[in-house]
PDB file of N, CA and C in Angstrom:
ATOM      1  N   MET A   1      29.416  76.055  48.028  1.00  0.00           N
ATOM      2  CA  MET A   1      28.952  75.199  49.129  1.00  0.00           C
ATOM      3  C   MET A   1      27.430  75.050  49.054  1.00  0.00           C
ATOM      4  N   LYS A   2      26.973  73.822  49.157  1.00  0.00           N
ATOM      5  CA  LYS A   2      25.529  73.575  49.086  1.00  0.00           C
ATOM      6  C   LYS A   2      24.882  73.836  50.438  1.00  0.00           C
ATOM      7  N   ARG A   3      24.184  74.937  50.542  1.00  0.00           N
ATOM      8  CA  ARG A   3      23.518  75.260  51.810  1.00  0.00           C
ATOM      9  C   ARG A   3      22.286  74.386  52.020  1.00  0.00           C
ATOM     10  N   ALA A   4      21.748  73.873  50.933  1.00  0.00           N
ATOM     11  CA  ALA A   4      20.553  73.041  51.037  1.00  0.00           C
ATOM     12  C   ALA A   4      20.860  71.761  51.815  1.00  0.00           C
ATOM     13  N   GLY A   5      22.044  71.224  51.616  1.00  0.00           N
ATOM     14  CA  GLY A   5      22.420  69.998  52.311  1.00  0.00           C
ATOM     15  C   GLY A   5      22.639  70.242  53.796  1.00  0.00           C
ATOM     16  N   LEU A   6      22.993  71.485  54.136  1.00  0.00           N
ATOM     17  CA  LEU A   6      23.247  71.793  55.537  1.00  0.00           C
ATOM     18  C   LEU A   6      21.955  72.130  56.273  1.00  0.00           C
ATOM     19  N   LEU A   7      21.001  72.700  55.531  1.00  0.00           N
ATOM     20  CA  LEU A   7      19.769  73.141  56.173  1.00  0.00           C
ATOM     21  C   LEU A   7      18.692  72.070  56.129  1.00  0.00           C
ATOM     22  N   THR A   8      19.114  70.819  55.977  1.00  0.00           N
ATOM     23  CA  THR A   8      18.125  69.745  55.899  1.00  0.00           C
ATOM     24  C   THR A   8      17.508  69.493  57.270  1.00  0.00           C
ATOM     25  N   ARG A   9      18.331  69.413  58.293  1.00  0.00           N
ATOM     26  CA  ARG A   9      17.833  69.075  59.625  1.00  0.00           C
ATOM     27  C   ARG A   9      17.536  70.334  60.442  1.00  0.00           C
ATOM     28  N   ASP A  10      18.579  71.107  60.719  1.00  0.00           N
ATOM     29  CA  ASP A  10      18.396  72.310  61.534  1.00  0.00           C
ATOM     30  C   ASP A  10      19.442  73.325  61.135  1.00  0.00           C
ATOM     31  N   SER A  11      18.995  74.490  60.714  1.00  0.00           N
ATOM     32  CA  SER A  11      19.921  75.510  60.226  1.00  0.00           C
ATOM     33  C   SER A  11      20.684  76.140  61.380  1.00  0.00           C
ATOM     34  N   ARG A  12      20.078  76.119  62.574  1.00  0.00           N
ATOM     35  CA  ARG A  12      20.738  76.761  63.714  1.00  0.00           C
ATOM     36  C   ARG A  12      21.860  75.899  64.265  1.00  0.00           C
ATOM     37  N   LYS A  13      21.559  74.617  64.471  1.00  0.00           N
ATOM     38  CA  LYS A  13      22.572  73.733  65.042  1.00  0.00           C
ATOM     39  C   LYS A  13      22.966  72.708  63.989  1.00  0.00           C
ATOM     40  N   VAL A  14      23.951  73.042  63.193  1.00  0.00           N
ATOM     41  CA  VAL A  14      24.394  72.129  62.133  1.00  0.00           C
ATOM     42  C   VAL A  14      25.744  71.546  62.505  1.00  0.00           C
ATOM     43  N   GLU A  15      25.800  70.239  62.576  1.00  0.00           N
ATOM     44  CA  GLU A  15      27.071  69.585  62.881  1.00  0.00           C
ATOM     45  C   GLU A  15      27.493  68.735  61.695  1.00  0.00           C
ATOM     46  N   ARG A  16      28.680  69.030  61.169  1.00  0.00           N
ATOM     47  CA  ARG A  16      29.155  68.252  60.032  1.00  0.00           C
ATOM     48  C   ARG A  16      29.715  66.924  60.525  1.00  0.00           C
ATOM     49  N   LYS A  17      29.905  66.006  59.590  1.00  0.00           N
ATOM     50  CA  LYS A  17      30.402  64.680  59.944  1.00  0.00           C
ATOM     51  C   LYS A  17      31.854  64.764  60.378  1.00  0.00           C
ATOM     52  N   LYS A  18      32.129  64.409  61.627  1.00  0.00           N
ATOM     53  CA  LYS A  18      33.493  64.458  62.131  1.00  0.00           C
ATOM     54  C   LYS A  18      34.278  63.255  61.626  1.00  0.00           C
ATOM     55  N   PRO A  19      35.548  63.442  61.291  1.00  0.00           N
ATOM     56  CA  PRO A  19      36.396  62.343  60.833  1.00  0.00           C
ATOM     57  C   PRO A  19      36.669  61.358  61.964  1.00  0.00           C
ATOM     58  N   GLY A  20      36.458  60.078  61.693  1.00  0.00           N
ATOM     59  CA  GLY A  20      36.696  59.062  62.710  1.00  0.00           C
ATOM     60  C   GLY A  20      35.409  58.655  63.412  1.00  0.00           C
ATOM     61  N   LEU A  21      34.345  59.413  63.195  1.00  0.00           N
ATOM     62  CA  LEU A  21      33.064  59.089  63.807  1.00  0.00           C
ATOM     63  C   LEU A  21      32.079  58.661  62.731  1.00  0.00           C
ATOM     64  N   LYS A  22      31.054  57.937  63.158  1.00  0.00           N
ATOM     65  CA  LYS A  22      30.051  57.495  62.195  1.00  0.00           C
ATOM     66  C   LYS A  22      29.243  58.687  61.691  1.00  0.00           C
ATOM     67  N   LYS A  23      28.725  59.464  62.625  1.00  0.00           N
ATOM     68  CA  LYS A  23      27.947  60.659  62.261  1.00  0.00           C
ATOM     69  C   LYS A  23      28.311  61.804  63.192  1.00  0.00           C
ATOM     70  N   ALA A  24      27.719  62.951  62.932  1.00  0.00           N
ATOM     71  CA  ALA A  24      28.036  64.139  63.731  1.00  0.00           C
ATOM     72  C   ALA A  24      27.442  64.009  65.137  1.00  0.00           C
ATOM     73  N   ARG A  25      26.187  63.600  65.186  1.00  0.00           N
ATOM     74  CA  ARG A  25      25.505  63.499  66.475  1.00  0.00           C
ATOM     75  C   ARG A  25      25.774  62.146  67.129  1.00  0.00           C
ATOM     76  N   LYS A  26      25.550  61.066  66.353  1.00  0.00           N
ATOM     77  CA  LYS A  26      25.665  59.725  66.896  1.00  0.00           C
ATOM     78  C   LYS A  26      27.130  59.304  66.973  1.00  0.00           C
ATOM     79  N   ALA A  27      27.825  59.795  67.994  1.00  0.00           N
ATOM     80  CA  ALA A  27      29.234  59.443  68.171  1.00  0.00           C
ATOM     81  C   ALA A  27      29.353  58.545  69.394  1.00  0.00           C
ATOM     82  N   SER A  28      29.564  57.267  69.173  1.00  0.00           N
ATOM     83  CA  SER A  28      29.605  56.312  70.276  1.00  0.00           C
ATOM     84  C   SER A  28      30.848  56.501  71.137  1.00  0.00           C
ATOM     85  N   GLN A  29      31.979  56.869  70.502  1.00  0.00           N
ATOM     86  CA  GLN A  29      33.226  56.976  71.249  1.00  0.00           C
ATOM     87  C   GLN A  29      33.377  58.332  71.938  1.00  0.00           C
ATOM     88  N   PHE A  30      32.547  59.271  71.549  1.00  0.00           N
ATOM     89  CA  PHE A  30      32.626  60.597  72.159  1.00  0.00           C
ATOM     90  C   PHE A  30      31.471  60.795  73.139  1.00  0.00           C
ATOM     91  N   SER A  31      31.789  61.329  74.324  1.00  0.00           N
ATOM     92  CA  SER A  31      30.757  61.600  75.313  1.00  0.00           C
ATOM     93  C   SER A  31      30.926  63.009  75.855  1.00  0.00           C
ATOM     94  N   LYS A  32      29.823  63.731  75.975  1.00  0.00           N
ATOM     95  CA  LYS A  32      29.896  65.125  76.410  1.00  0.00           C
ATOM     96  C   LYS A  32      30.393  65.212  77.858  1.00  0.00           C
ATOM     97  N   ARG A  33      29.863  64.340  78.716  1.00  0.00           N
ATOM     98  CA  ARG A  33      30.287  64.416  80.118  1.00  0.00           C
ATOM     99  C   ARG A  33      31.633  63.736  80.258  1.00  0.00           C
TER     100      ARG A  33
END
């Protein structure tokens, strides 16, 4: 597993790309509240 690709943004809070969403963070169809 390439740890370098995961530690690009933030090693503490790493969110992988969820299936069905554009990106891990920018999920238009998903809302926390």
